[in-house]
Protein backbone atom coordinates (compact mmCIF):
# COMPACT_ATOMS: atom_id res chain seq x y z
CA MET A 1 -0.05 0.04 -0.06
CA ASN A 2 3.00 2.49 0.86
CA THR A 3 4.64 1.26 -2.40
CA ALA A 4 1.31 2.65 -4.49
CA ALA A 5 0.82 5.54 -2.68
CA GLY A 6 4.78 6.46 -3.07
CA PHE A 7 4.10 5.92 -7.02
CA ILE A 8 0.94 8.02 -7.20
CA GLN A 9 2.55 11.05 -5.26
CA ARG A 10 5.53 10.88 -7.69
CA TYR A 11 3.22 10.34 -10.48
CA TYR A 12 1.31 13.78 -9.28
CA LEU A 13 4.84 15.52 -8.50
CA GLN A 14 6.34 14.67 -12.10
CA HIS A 15 3.18 16.38 -13.73
CA LEU A 16 3.33 19.20 -11.85
CA LEU A 17 7.01 19.62 -12.07
CA GLY A 18 6.68 19.31 -15.90
CA TRP A 19 3.81 21.58 -16.26
CA GLY A 20 5.31 24.29 -13.91
CA LEU A 21 8.57 24.54 -16.21
CA LEU A 22 6.35 24.61 -19.34
CA PHE A 23 4.62 27.41 -17.70
CA PHE A 24 7.51 29.44 -16.49
CA GLY A 25 9.44 28.71 -19.61
CA TRP A 26 6.52 29.76 -21.70
CA HIS A 27 6.00 32.87 -19.77
CA PHE A 28 9.81 33.53 -19.71
CA PHE A 29 9.97 33.96 -23.85
CA ARG A 30 6.30 35.58 -24.56
CA TYR A 31 5.44 37.82 -21.63
CA GLN A 32 6.84 40.79 -23.79
CA ASP A 33 3.81 40.20 -26.34
CA TYR A 34 1.15 41.01 -23.83
CA PRO A 35 0.21 44.41 -22.11
CA PRO A 36 2.30 44.91 -18.54
CA GLY A 37 0.75 42.70 -15.84
CA LYS A 38 -1.28 40.57 -18.24
CA GLY A 39 1.53 37.71 -19.21
CA TRP A 40 0.92 35.79 -16.10
CA TYR A 41 -2.62 35.64 -16.82
CA ILE A 42 -2.31 34.62 -20.74
CA THR A 43 0.52 32.35 -20.05
CA PHE A 44 -1.83 30.67 -17.33
CA ILE A 45 -4.49 30.46 -19.88
CA LYS A 46 -2.47 28.95 -22.85
CA VAL A 47 -0.73 26.20 -20.30
CA ALA A 48 -4.19 25.31 -18.52
CA ASP A 49 -6.06 24.85 -21.99
CA LEU A 50 -3.16 22.47 -23.44
CA ALA A 51 -3.15 20.37 -20.09
CA LEU A 52 -6.74 20.01 -20.26
CA MET A 53 -6.77 18.99 -23.70
CA ILE A 54 -3.98 16.53 -23.19
CA TYR A 55 -5.71 15.11 -20.27
CA LEU A 56 -8.96 14.53 -21.82
CA THR A 57 -7.39 12.68 -24.95
CA ASN A 58 -5.19 10.77 -22.95
CA TYR A 59 -7.37 9.45 -19.87
CA LEU A 60 -11.02 9.67 -21.51
CA LEU A 61 -10.43 9.25 -25.48
CA ILE A 62 -7.84 7.13 -25.76
CA PRO A 63 -9.04 4.33 -23.31
CA ARG A 64 -12.91 4.37 -23.90
CA PHE A 65 -12.45 4.98 -27.83
CA LEU A 66 -9.24 4.56 -29.40
CA TYR A 67 -8.36 1.44 -27.24
CA LYS A 68 -11.73 -0.47 -27.87
CA LYS A 69 -11.32 0.08 -31.94
CA ARG A 70 -13.81 3.10 -32.31
CA TYR A 71 -11.66 5.07 -34.55
CA PHE A 72 -13.75 7.32 -36.26
CA LEU A 73 -15.64 8.38 -32.70
CA PHE A 74 -12.23 9.04 -31.49
CA ALA A 75 -11.43 11.12 -34.24
CA VAL A 76 -14.51 13.22 -34.51
CA LEU A 77 -14.06 13.78 -30.35
CA PHE A 78 -10.51 14.53 -30.74
CA THR A 79 -11.23 17.46 -33.56
CA ALA A 80 -14.00 18.76 -31.75
CA ILE A 81 -12.19 19.12 -28.50
CA VAL A 82 -9.25 21.00 -30.05
CA PHE A 83 -11.30 23.24 -32.04
CA THR A 84 -13.61 23.78 -28.84
CA PHE A 85 -10.91 24.63 -26.58
CA SER A 86 -8.84 26.87 -29.22
CA ILE A 87 -11.86 28.83 -29.78
CA THR A 88 -12.70 29.39 -26.03
CA LYS A 89 -9.00 29.99 -25.23
CA MET A 90 -9.16 32.77 -28.02
CA TYR A 91 -12.23 34.20 -26.95
CA ILE A 92 -11.03 34.47 -23.14
CA GLU A 93 -7.84 36.18 -24.10
CA ALA A 94 -9.94 38.55 -26.33
CA GLU A 95 -12.08 39.32 -22.95
CA LEU A 96 -8.96 39.43 -20.83
CA LEU A 97 -7.30 42.01 -23.63
CA LYS A 98 -10.25 44.12 -23.86
CA THR A 99 -10.33 43.11 -27.61
CA SER A 100 -13.35 42.29 -29.79
CA PHE A 101 -13.17 38.59 -30.99
CA ASP A 102 -14.63 37.28 -33.95
CA ILE A 103 -14.12 33.76 -35.33
CA TRP A 104 -14.33 34.31 -38.79
CA ASP A 105 -12.10 37.40 -38.62
CA ARG A 106 -8.50 36.12 -40.00
CA PHE A 107 -9.76 33.00 -39.81
CA LYS A 108 -7.04 31.16 -41.49
CA VAL A 109 -4.42 33.14 -39.19
CA ARG A 110 -6.52 32.05 -36.01
CA VAL A 111 -6.35 28.52 -37.42
CA TYR A 112 -3.21 28.71 -38.24
CA ASP A 113 -1.84 30.02 -35.01
CA ASN A 114 -3.88 28.17 -32.54
CA VAL A 115 -5.61 25.19 -33.72
CA ILE A 116 -3.11 23.83 -35.71
CA PRO A 117 -0.30 24.17 -32.92
CA HIS A 118 -3.06 22.36 -30.37
CA PHE A 119 -3.57 19.56 -32.96
CA LEU A 120 0.67 18.92 -33.24
CA LEU A 121 0.78 19.36 -29.34
CA VAL A 122 -2.38 17.37 -28.23
CA SER A 123 -1.06 14.67 -30.95
CA THR A 124 2.02 14.55 -29.61
CA GLY A 125 0.97 13.90 -25.69
CA ALA A 126 -1.37 11.42 -27.02
CA ALA A 127 1.97 9.66 -28.73
CA ILE A 128 3.78 9.70 -25.56
CA LYS A 129 0.90 8.18 -23.56
CA LEU A 130 0.67 5.57 -26.23
CA LEU A 131 4.33 4.63 -26.07
CA ILE A 132 4.06 4.67 -22.38
CA ASP A 133 0.80 2.24 -22.31
CA TYR A 134 2.60 0.14 -25.03
CA ALA A 135 5.71 -0.22 -22.93
CA GLY A 136 3.80 -1.32 -20.14
CA VAL A 137 1.75 -3.86 -21.77
CA GLN A 138 5.15 -5.50 -23.28
CA ARG A 139 6.64 -5.22 -19.50
CA ARG A 140 3.55 -7.01 -18.18
CA LEU A 141 3.71 -9.56 -20.69
CA GLY A 142 7.46 -10.13 -20.17
CA GLU A 143 6.45 -10.66 -16.23
CA MET A 144 3.87 -13.00 -17.24
CA ALA A 145 5.98 -15.27 -19.33
CA LYS A 146 8.66 -15.22 -16.57
CA GLU A 147 6.19 -15.99 -13.90
CA LYS A 148 4.65 -18.68 -16.14
CA ALA A 149 8.07 -20.35 -16.52
CA GLU A 150 8.94 -20.21 -12.99
CA THR A 151 5.29 -21.77 -11.89
CA GLU A 152 5.75 -24.60 -14.65
CA LEU A 153 9.58 -25.15 -13.48
CA ASN A 154 7.99 -25.21 -9.55
CA PHE A 155 5.60 -27.68 -10.62
CA LEU A 156 7.97 -30.11 -12.40
CA LYS A 157 10.02 -30.08 -9.40
CA SER A 158 7.41 -30.71 -6.95
CA GLN A 159 6.23 -33.90 -9.22
CA ILE A 160 7.78 -37.21 -9.21
CA ASN A 161 6.74 -38.49 -12.61
CA PRO A 162 3.10 -37.24 -12.52
CA HIS A 163 1.90 -39.05 -15.50
CA PHE A 164 3.48 -42.26 -14.22
CA LEU A 165 1.39 -41.41 -10.74
CA PHE A 166 -1.74 -40.68 -13.02
CA ASN A 167 -1.70 -44.15 -14.73
CA SER A 168 -0.79 -45.81 -11.15
CA LEU A 169 -3.93 -44.16 -9.57
CA ASN A 170 -6.14 -45.97 -12.78
CA THR A 171 -4.18 -49.13 -11.88
CA ILE A 172 -5.10 -48.90 -8.02
CA TYR A 173 -8.94 -48.22 -9.01
CA PHE A 174 -9.23 -51.51 -10.97
CA LEU A 175 -7.65 -53.56 -7.73
CA ILE A 176 -10.12 -52.25 -5.26
CA ASP A 177 -12.93 -54.33 -4.37
CA LYS A 178 -15.87 -53.30 -6.10
CA GLN A 179 -17.99 -53.36 -2.92
CA ASN A 180 -15.75 -50.51 -1.80
CA ALA A 181 -17.25 -47.82 -3.79
CA GLY A 182 -16.14 -45.06 -1.49
CA ALA A 183 -12.84 -45.67 -1.94
CA ARG A 184 -12.92 -46.08 -5.57
CA THR A 185 -14.82 -42.90 -5.78
CA THR A 186 -12.56 -40.97 -3.90
CA LEU A 187 -9.71 -42.48 -6.07
CA LEU A 188 -11.66 -41.19 -9.20
CA GLN A 189 -12.13 -37.81 -7.64
CA MET A 190 -8.03 -37.68 -7.05
CA ALA A 191 -7.83 -38.91 -10.50
CA ASP A 192 -9.63 -36.07 -12.38
CA LEU A 193 -7.94 -33.63 -10.11
CA LEU A 194 -4.51 -34.79 -11.32
CA ARG A 195 -6.11 -35.28 -14.71
CA TYR A 196 -7.19 -31.24 -14.80
CA GLN A 197 -4.17 -30.27 -13.60
CA LEU A 198 -2.00 -32.43 -16.13
CA TYR A 199 -4.05 -32.21 -19.23
CA ASP A 200 -6.79 -29.52 -18.91
CA CYS A 201 -4.38 -26.65 -17.93
CA ASN A 202 -1.71 -26.25 -20.53
CA ASN A 203 -4.14 -23.36 -22.30
CA PRO A 204 -4.08 -19.87 -20.83
CA THR A 205 -7.69 -20.13 -20.17
CA ILE A 206 -10.20 -23.17 -19.39
CA GLU A 207 -14.35 -23.37 -19.17
CA ILE A 208 -15.42 -21.93 -16.12
CA GLU A 209 -17.44 -25.36 -16.10
CA LYS A 210 -14.20 -27.53 -15.68
CA GLU A 211 -12.61 -25.07 -13.02
CA VAL A 212 -15.75 -25.45 -11.17
CA HIS A 213 -15.98 -29.11 -11.12
CA TYR A 214 -12.30 -29.15 -10.22
CA LEU A 215 -13.10 -27.05 -6.97
CA GLN A 216 -15.89 -29.27 -6.08
CA ASP A 217 -13.89 -32.38 -6.38
CA TYR A 218 -11.27 -30.95 -4.33
CA VAL A 219 -13.95 -29.59 -1.49
CA ARG A 220 -15.24 -33.36 -1.61
CA LEU A 221 -11.97 -34.81 -0.95
CA GLN A 222 -11.81 -32.23 1.80
CA GLU A 223 -14.83 -33.04 3.33
CA LEU A 224 -13.29 -37.16 3.56
CA ARG A 225 -10.58 -35.66 5.80
CA LYS A 226 -13.07 -33.70 8.41
CA ASP A 227 -15.47 -34.83 11.16
CA ASN A 228 -19.09 -33.84 11.85
CA GLN A 229 -17.55 -30.78 13.61
CA TYR A 230 -16.65 -29.10 10.20
CA GLU A 231 -19.36 -27.59 8.12
CA LEU A 232 -17.87 -27.38 4.28
CA GLY A 233 -20.10 -25.99 1.38
CA MET A 234 -19.89 -24.90 -2.17
CA GLU A 235 -22.77 -23.03 -4.09
CA VAL A 236 -22.79 -22.35 -7.53
CA GLY A 237 -24.89 -19.99 -9.42
CA GLU A 238 -27.06 -20.75 -12.55
CA GLN A 239 -25.15 -17.87 -14.41
CA VAL A 240 -22.01 -19.32 -13.81
CA LYS A 241 -21.32 -20.77 -17.49
CA GLY A 242 -20.42 -20.07 -20.84
CA PHE A 243 -17.27 -18.14 -20.37
CA ARG A 244 -13.42 -18.88 -19.85
CA ILE A 245 -10.99 -17.78 -16.96
CA THR A 246 -7.51 -18.68 -16.02
CA PRO A 247 -6.78 -22.25 -14.83
CA LEU A 248 -6.11 -22.80 -11.34
CA LEU A 249 -6.66 -19.35 -10.60
CA LEU A 250 -9.25 -19.96 -7.81
CA ILE A 251 -8.32 -23.07 -6.09
CA PRO A 252 -5.39 -21.08 -3.83
CA PHE A 253 -7.85 -19.37 -2.04
CA VAL A 254 -10.01 -22.71 -1.06
CA GLU A 255 -6.55 -24.26 -0.34
CA ASN A 256 -5.97 -21.44 1.89
CA ALA A 257 -9.18 -21.86 3.60
CA PHE A 258 -8.75 -25.55 4.46
CA LYS A 259 -4.96 -24.75 6.05
CA HIS A 260 -6.29 -22.06 8.38
CA ILE A 261 -9.82 -23.37 8.97
CA SER A 262 -10.52 -23.35 12.95
CA HIS A 263 -10.49 -26.39 15.21
CA HIS A 264 -13.03 -25.40 17.74
CA THR A 265 -14.47 -27.96 19.85
CA HIS A 266 -17.48 -26.10 21.26
CA ASP A 267 -18.05 -23.73 18.41
CA ARG A 268 -18.66 -23.85 14.55
CA ASN A 269 -15.83 -24.67 12.35
CA PHE A 270 -16.89 -23.59 8.47
CA ILE A 271 -15.91 -22.88 5.07
CA LYS A 272 -18.17 -21.36 2.60
CA VAL A 273 -17.54 -21.22 -1.16
CA ALA A 274 -19.44 -19.30 -3.45
CA LEU A 275 -19.49 -18.45 -7.23
CA GLN A 276 -21.98 -15.96 -8.73
CA ARG A 277 -22.38 -14.34 -11.81
CA SER A 278 -24.00 -10.78 -12.95
CA ASN A 279 -23.81 -8.12 -15.34
CA GLY A 280 -20.52 -9.42 -16.55
CA THR A 281 -19.08 -9.97 -13.34
CA LEU A 282 -17.96 -13.28 -11.74
CA THR A 283 -18.03 -13.03 -7.83
CA PHE A 284 -15.95 -15.28 -6.25
CA THR A 285 -16.19 -15.54 -1.98
CA VAL A 286 -14.57 -18.07 0.37
CA GLU A 287 -15.06 -17.59 3.94
CA ASN A 288 -13.83 -19.83 6.75
CA SER A 289 -13.85 -19.64 10.43
CA LYS A 290 -10.39 -19.32 12.63
CA ASP A 291 -8.75 -19.58 15.47
CA GLU A 292 -7.41 -16.34 17.25
CA GLN A 293 -4.19 -17.89 17.25
CA GLN A 294 -3.98 -19.60 13.91
CA ARG A 295 -2.73 -23.32 13.60
CA SER A 296 -2.95 -25.44 10.75
CA THR A 297 -3.40 -29.54 10.19
CA GLU A 298 -2.43 -28.91 6.64
CA PRO A 299 1.14 -29.31 5.13
CA THR A 300 2.94 -26.01 4.58
CA GLY A 301 3.33 -25.25 0.72
CA GLY A 302 0.98 -24.51 -2.06
CA ILE A 303 0.64 -21.21 -3.83
CA GLY A 304 0.27 -18.48 -1.33
CA LEU A 305 -2.28 -15.47 -1.55
CA SER A 306 0.72 -12.86 -2.36
CA ASN A 307 1.38 -15.03 -5.53
CA VAL A 308 -2.32 -15.34 -6.36
CA LYS A 309 -2.39 -11.47 -6.06
CA ARG A 310 0.47 -10.78 -8.38
CA ARG A 311 -1.15 -13.13 -11.10
CA LEU A 312 -4.06 -11.23 -10.94
CA GLU A 313 -2.54 -8.16 -11.64
CA LEU A 314 -0.28 -9.59 -14.39
CA ILE A 315 -3.49 -11.56 -16.27
CA TYR A 316 -6.38 -9.46 -15.35
CA PRO A 317 -4.75 -5.80 -14.95
CA GLY A 318 -7.71 -3.40 -14.18
CA LYS A 319 -10.49 -6.25 -14.31
CA HIS A 320 -10.49 -7.41 -11.15
CA THR A 321 -10.98 -6.45 -7.34
CA LEU A 322 -9.77 -8.29 -4.35
CA LYS A 323 -11.07 -7.65 -0.99
CA ILE A 324 -9.77 -9.76 1.90
CA GLU A 325 -11.24 -9.41 5.69
CA ASN A 326 -9.54 -10.79 8.38
CA SER A 327 -11.24 -10.62 11.71
CA ALA A 328 -10.21 -12.46 15.01
CA HIS A 329 -12.46 -15.28 14.17
CA ILE A 330 -13.47 -15.28 10.50
CA PHE A 331 -11.34 -15.16 7.35
CA LYS A 332 -12.98 -13.87 4.33
CA ILE A 333 -11.79 -13.06 0.28
CA GLU A 334 -14.22 -11.55 -2.31
CA LEU A 335 -12.76 -11.97 -5.92
CA ASN A 336 -14.63 -10.08 -8.25
CA LEU A 337 -13.45 -10.78 -12.27
CA HIS A 338 -14.88 -8.31 -15.02
CA LEU A 339 -15.46 -10.97 -17.87
CA SER A 340 -14.73 -9.51 -21.59
C-alpha cells in the first residue's frame, strides 16, 4: 500500500513539475508580447488549456474509444475538443485583453496560430501516452512469461513423474474391490484432480465449468478428512457458465481456507465457497472460521495468496478487485473478475 501511495505521489509530482516548467518557460519567452501585468494570466490560460486537452485525450478518449477500436468516434471527438478549446481560449484571451473577438475575422490566421499548434501538441501528448502504455504492456507480458516459466518449473520440480502417478491411480482403481464404492469414488476424484492439472491446464484459459468441477472435487476430498464438527459448503449460481478464465486461479483461495480453518470443539468450524455471475462480473467468495491464534493441520506449501495477487495483477490488470477481511474469528476473500 505504501509503495502504491509513493508511486502516485511521484506521478503527480512529475506532472506538476512538468507543467510548472512549461508555464515559466512559456512566460519567459512570450511575456513581452502582452500588455504589462497580463503575461502571467495569458500564460496560465494557454498552459491550462493545453493541459486540459491532453488529459481529456489521454485519459478519456484513448482508453474509451481508441483502445476499443472506435476510431471514427475517437477522431470526431478529438477534433471537436481541439477546436472547442482553441476557440474558448481565444475568446478568454480577447476578454482579458479587452479586444473584440470574431472567429471569422482572420480565420486562416487564427487556425494557423492556434488550432494547428494545438493539434500537433495534443497529438504529441497522445503519442507519448501510447508509447508508455505499449511499454507497460510489453513489460507485463514479459513478467507474465517469466511468472509462467517459474510456475511450470516449480511444478515440475515438485512432481515425481506425475504421468506415472496418474496411470498408477487408474491401476489401483481396478484393484480395489467393487464392494468398496467409497474408496473407488475417492480414487476417481483424485484422478480427476490430477488429470485436470496435467492435461486441461495447458491453455491460457479454460471453461469455467471445468474449473468449478475441479473445485467441487477438491472440496469433496477435503470433506473426507474432516469430521462432523466441520461444515463445508459450495454454492454455484446458475449463471456461472459459458465463459473462460485462467485455470487454477481460484483453487489457492480454497486451499488457504482449509489450511487455516478453525478447530473449535464447542463452536462452528466452517468453510463457505460461492460463485455468482451478474452483469458481466464473476464474484467468487471464500469464507472460513479461524482461531485467534492460528494453527494449521495442513502441510505447508502451495501457492500463497501473495502469488495469487501477483497473477491477478498480471493476467487481469484493471479487470479485478480483491477484498480480504481478516477478523479475529473469520477470514473472507471476495474476488470480482470483470469478464470480457
